[in-house]
PDB file of N, CA and C in Angstrom:
ATOM      1  N   MET A   1       0.926  -1.281   0.081  1.00  0.00           N
ATOM      2  CA  MET A   1      -0.007  -0.005  -0.061  1.00  0.00           C
ATOM      3  C   MET A   1       0.830   1.425   0.130  1.00  0.00           C
ATOM      4  N   THR A   2       0.697   2.098  -0.778  1.00  0.00           N
ATOM      5  CA  THR A   2       1.501   3.339  -0.872  1.00  0.00           C
ATOM      6  C   THR A   2       0.780   4.499  -0.128  1.00  0.00           C
ATOM      7  N   ALA A   3      -0.437   4.553   0.340  1.00  0.00           N
ATOM      8  CA  ALA A   3      -1.315   5.603   0.455  1.00  0.00           C
ATOM      9  C   ALA A   3      -0.551   5.597   2.376  1.00  0.00           C
ATOM     10  N   LYS A   4      -0.968   6.110   2.797  1.00  0.00           N
ATOM     11  CA  LYS A   4      -0.661   6.435   4.423  1.00  0.00           C
ATOM     12  C   LYS A   4      -1.844   5.969   5.042  1.00  0.00           C
ATOM     13  N   LEU A   5      -1.831   5.108   5.913  1.00  0.00           N
ATOM     14  CA  LEU A   5      -3.191   4.644   6.462  1.00  0.00           C
ATOM     15  C   LEU A   5      -3.313   5.291   8.048  1.00  0.00           C
ATOM     16  N   THR A   6      -4.668   5.383   8.648  1.00  0.00           N
ATOM     17  CA  THR A   6      -4.597   5.599   9.756  1.00  0.00           C
ATOM     18  C   THR A   6      -4.632   4.579  10.701  1.00  0.00           C
ATOM     19  N   HIS A   7      -4.525   4.957  12.216  1.00  0.00           N
ATOM     20  CA  HIS A   7      -4.503   3.801  12.974  1.00  0.00           C
ATOM     21  C   HIS A   7      -5.474   2.682  12.865  1.00  0.00           C
ATOM     22  N   ASN A   8      -6.735   2.866  12.536  1.00  0.00           N
ATOM     23  CA  ASN A   8      -7.852   2.002  12.600  1.00  0.00           C
ATOM     24  C   ASN A   8      -7.258   1.245  11.503  1.00  0.00           C
ATOM     25  N   GLN A   9      -7.161   1.768   9.789  1.00  0.00           N
ATOM     26  CA  GLN A   9      -7.019   1.157   8.963  1.00  0.00           C
ATOM     27  C   GLN A   9      -5.709  -0.141   8.874  1.00  0.00           C
ATOM     28  N   MET A  10      -4.732   0.701   9.513  1.00  0.00           N
ATOM     29  CA  MET A  10      -3.451  -0.298   9.764  1.00  0.00           C
ATOM     30  C   MET A  10      -3.877  -1.542  10.941  1.00  0.00           C
ATOM     31  N   LEU A  11      -4.797  -1.166  11.904  1.00  0.00           N
ATOM     32  CA  LEU A  11      -5.188  -2.575  12.709  1.00  0.00           C
ATOM     33  C   LEU A  11      -5.711  -3.327  12.002  1.00  0.00           C
ATOM     34  N   VAL A  12      -6.972  -3.011  11.097  1.00  0.00           N
ATOM     35  CA  VAL A  12      -7.503  -3.964  10.385  1.00  0.00           C
ATOM     36  C   VAL A  12      -6.751  -4.439   9.181  1.00  0.00           C
ATOM     37  N   PHE A  13      -5.947  -4.027   8.626  1.00  0.00           N
ATOM     38  CA  PHE A  13      -4.809  -4.563   7.556  1.00  0.00           C
ATOM     39  C   PHE A  13      -4.126  -5.611   8.246  1.00  0.00           C
ATOM     40  N   ASN A  14      -3.414  -5.400   9.059  1.00  0.00           N
ATOM     41  CA  ASN A  14      -2.616  -6.197   9.904  1.00  0.00           C
ATOM     42  C   ASN A  14      -3.562  -7.238  10.208  1.00  0.00           C
ATOM     43  N   LEU A  15      -4.506  -7.228  10.817  1.00  0.00           N
ATOM     44  CA  LEU A  15      -5.416  -8.294  11.344  1.00  0.00           C
ATOM     45  C   LEU A  15      -5.808  -9.443   9.828  1.00  0.00           C
ATOM     46  N   LEU A  16      -6.141  -8.576   8.802  1.00  0.00           N
ATOM     47  CA  LEU A  16      -6.429  -9.481   8.110  1.00  0.00           C
ATOM     48  C   LEU A  16      -5.486 -10.109   7.379  1.00  0.00           C
ATOM     49  N   LYS A  17      -4.214  -9.634   7.166  1.00  0.00           N
ATOM     50  CA  LYS A  17      -2.934 -10.031   6.838  1.00  0.00           C
ATOM     51  C   LYS A  17      -2.625 -11.616   7.195  1.00  0.00           C
ATOM     52  N   THR A  18      -2.893 -11.662   8.561  1.00  0.00           N
ATOM     53  CA  THR A  18      -2.498 -12.969   9.405  1.00  0.00           C
ATOM     54  C   THR A  18      -3.665 -13.753   9.373  1.00  0.00           C
ATOM     55  N   GLU A  19      -4.657 -13.429   8.950  1.00  0.00           N
ATOM     56  CA  GLU A  19      -5.995 -14.490   8.692  1.00  0.00           C
ATOM     57  C   GLU A  19      -5.582 -15.480   7.543  1.00  0.00           C
ATOM     58  N   LYS A  20      -6.197 -16.586   7.910  1.00  0.00           N
ATOM     59  CA  LYS A  20      -6.063 -17.634   6.911  1.00  0.00           C
ATOM     60  C   LYS A  20      -7.735 -17.690   6.012  1.00  0.00           C
ATOM     61  N   ALA A  21      -8.768 -17.028   6.842  1.00  0.00           N
ATOM     62  CA  ALA A  21     -10.042 -17.286   6.104  1.00  0.00           C
ATOM     63  C   ALA A  21     -10.706 -15.766   6.175  1.00  0.00           C
ATOM     64  N   PRO A  22     -11.503 -15.516   5.125  1.00  0.00           N
ATOM     65  CA  PRO A  22     -12.227 -14.473   5.293  1.00  0.00           C
ATOM     66  C   PRO A  22     -13.064 -13.862   6.808  1.00  0.00           C
ATOM     67  N   LEU A  23     -13.119 -12.649   7.460  1.00  0.00           N
ATOM     68  CA  LEU A  23     -13.671 -12.214   8.483  1.00  0.00           C
ATOM     69  C   LEU A  23     -14.811 -11.415   8.266  1.00  0.00           C
ATOM     70  N   SER A  24     -16.155 -11.491   8.762  1.00  0.00           N
ATOM     71  CA  SER A  24     -17.170 -10.277   8.770  1.00  0.00           C
ATOM     72  C   SER A  24     -16.582  -9.228   9.445  1.00  0.00           C
ATOM     73  N   ALA A  25     -17.345  -7.728   9.115  1.00  0.00           N
ATOM     74  CA  ALA A  25     -16.925  -7.071   9.862  1.00  0.00           C
ATOM     75  C   ALA A  25     -16.751  -7.175  11.398  1.00  0.00           C
ATOM     76  N   TYR A  26     -18.414  -7.672  11.849  1.00  0.00           N
ATOM     77  CA  TYR A  26     -18.247  -7.944  13.325  1.00  0.00           C
ATOM     78  C   TYR A  26     -17.273  -8.839  13.803  1.00  0.00           C
ATOM     79  N   GLU A  27     -16.684  -9.989  13.008  1.00  0.00           N
ATOM     80  CA  GLU A  27     -15.872 -10.638  13.549  1.00  0.00           C
ATOM     81  C   GLU A  27     -14.446  -9.568  13.792  1.00  0.00           C
ATOM     82  N   ILE A  28     -14.051  -8.761  12.761  1.00  0.00           N
ATOM     83  CA  ILE A  28     -12.849  -7.834  12.820  1.00  0.00           C
ATOM     84  C   ILE A  28     -13.079  -6.950  14.319  1.00  0.00           C
ATOM     85  N   LEU A  29     -14.268  -6.499  14.018  1.00  0.00           N
ATOM     86  CA  LEU A  29     -14.564  -5.764  15.512  1.00  0.00           C
ATOM     87  C   LEU A  29     -14.613  -6.369  16.701  1.00  0.00           C
ATOM     88  N   ASP A  30     -14.790  -7.533  16.838  1.00  0.00           N
ATOM     89  CA  ASP A  30     -14.616  -8.255  18.233  1.00  0.00           C
ATOM     90  C   ASP A  30     -13.345  -8.686  18.311  1.00  0.00           C
ATOM     91  N   ARG A  31     -12.474  -8.929  17.329  1.00  0.00           N
ATOM     92  CA  ARG A  31     -10.834  -9.207  17.561  1.00  0.00           C
ATOM     93  C   ARG A  31     -10.198  -7.795  17.985  1.00  0.00           C
ATOM     94  N   LEU A  32     -10.636  -6.738  17.487  1.00  0.00           N
ATOM     95  CA  LEU A  32      -9.972  -5.402  17.618  1.00  0.00           C
ATOM     96  C   LEU A  32     -10.606  -4.169  18.681  1.00  0.00           C
ATOM     97  N   HIS A  33     -11.638  -4.999  19.434  1.00  0.00           N
ATOM     98  CA  HIS A  33     -12.265  -4.230  20.548  1.00  0.00           C
ATOM     99  C   HIS A  33     -11.493  -3.744  21.397  1.00  0.00           C
ATOM    100  N   GLU A  34     -10.384  -4.658  21.994  1.00  0.00           N
ATOM    101  CA  GLU A  34      -9.553  -4.043  23.012  1.00  0.00           C
ATOM    102  C   GLU A  34      -8.560  -3.005  22.342  1.00  0.00           C
ATOM    103  N   LYS A  35      -8.123  -2.924  21.131  1.00  0.00           N
ATOM    104  CA  LYS A  35      -7.393  -2.202  20.551  1.00  0.00           C
ATOM    105  C   LYS A  35      -8.089  -0.587  20.288  1.00  0.00           C
ATOM    106  N   GLY A  36      -8.933  -0.510  20.531  1.00  0.00           N
ATOM    107  CA  GLY A  36      -9.740   0.601  20.510  1.00  0.00           C
ATOM    108  C   GLY A  36     -11.199   0.802  18.966  1.00  0.00           C
ATOM    109  N   LEU A  37     -10.975  -0.251  18.706  1.00  0.00           N
ATOM    110  CA  LEU A  37     -12.388  -0.137  17.824  1.00  0.00           C
ATOM    111  C   LEU A  37     -13.754  -0.397  18.826  1.00  0.00           C
ATOM    112  N   LYS A  38     -14.321   0.383  18.590  1.00  0.00           N
ATOM    113  CA  LYS A  38     -15.748   0.281  19.328  1.00  0.00           C
ATOM    114  C   LYS A  38     -16.741   0.493  18.626  1.00  0.00           C
ATOM    115  N   ALA A  39     -17.208   0.585  17.390  1.00  0.00           N
ATOM    116  CA  ALA A  39     -18.471   0.616  16.465  1.00  0.00           C
ATOM    117  C   ALA A  39     -18.399   0.051  15.138  1.00  0.00           C
ATOM    118  N   PRO A  40     -18.882  -0.571  14.470  1.00  0.00           N
ATOM    119  CA  PRO A  40     -19.194  -1.080  13.078  1.00  0.00           C
ATOM    120  C   PRO A  40     -18.586  -0.179  12.173  1.00  0.00           C
ATOM    121  N   LEU A  41     -18.872   0.911  12.422  1.00  0.00           N
ATOM    122  CA  LEU A  41     -18.945   1.559  11.239  1.00  0.00           C
ATOM    123  C   LEU A  41     -17.121   2.117  10.949  1.00  0.00           C
ATOM    124  N   GLN A  42     -16.236   2.186  12.100  1.00  0.00           N
ATOM    125  CA  GLN A  42     -15.182   2.150  11.949  1.00  0.00           C
ATOM    126  C   GLN A  42     -14.538   1.173  11.173  1.00  0.00           C
ATOM    127  N   VAL A  43     -14.847   0.024  11.364  1.00  0.00           N
ATOM    128  CA  VAL A  43     -14.510  -1.266  10.974  1.00  0.00           C
ATOM    129  C   VAL A  43     -14.831  -1.096   9.228  1.00  0.00           C
ATOM    130  N   TYR A  44     -15.992  -0.777   8.917  1.00  0.00           N
ATOM    131  CA  TYR A  44     -16.479  -0.359   7.643  1.00  0.00           C
ATOM    132  C   TYR A  44     -15.586   0.677   6.580  1.00  0.00           C
ATOM    133  N   ARG A  45     -15.620   1.845   7.726  1.00  0.00           N
ATOM    134  CA  ARG A  45     -14.401   2.901   7.004  1.00  0.00           C
ATOM    135  C   ARG A  45     -13.033   2.238   6.741  1.00  0.00           C
ATOM    136  N   ALA A  46     -12.636   1.789   7.538  1.00  0.00           N
ATOM    137  CA  ALA A  46     -11.276   1.085   7.349  1.00  0.00           C
ATOM    138  C   ALA A  46     -11.364   0.074   6.002  1.00  0.00           C
ATOM    139  N   LEU A  47     -12.288  -0.638   6.106  1.00  0.00           N
ATOM    140  CA  LEU A  47     -12.221  -1.564   4.735  1.00  0.00           C
ATOM    141  C   LEU A  47     -12.603  -0.942   3.526  1.00  0.00           C
ATOM    142  N   LYS A  48     -13.371   0.162   3.593  1.00  0.00           N
ATOM    143  CA  LYS A  48     -13.460   0.888   2.527  1.00  0.00           C
ATOM    144  C   LYS A  48     -12.220   1.414   1.848  1.00  0.00           C
ATOM    145  N   LYS A  49     -11.346   1.853   2.541  1.00  0.00           N
ATOM    146  CA  LYS A  49     -10.118   2.664   2.354  1.00  0.00           C
ATOM    147  C   LYS A  49      -9.284   1.458   1.884  1.00  0.00           C
ATOM    148  N   LEU A  50      -9.220   0.252   2.465  1.00  0.00           N
ATOM    149  CA  LEU A  50      -8.141  -0.769   1.961  1.00  0.00           C
ATOM    150  C   LEU A  50      -8.727  -1.475   0.726  1.00  0.00           C
ATOM    151  N   ILE A  51     -10.007  -1.431   0.296  1.00  0.00           N
ATOM    152  CA  ILE A  51     -10.163  -1.741  -1.002  1.00  0.00           C
ATOM    153  C   ILE A  51      -9.935  -0.917  -2.371  1.00  0.00           C
TER     154      ILE A  51
END
């Protein structure tokens, strides 16, 4: 990725890199809740930037 990523985008990106199977937005939220993601909209925004 050449664009600078936000903190949330980087969290989502790094999680997806390590997974062997696809994750839903709510699965991503569950796994990253302790790192600061609190709402599904945060995950959806990060995913939108990454695609």
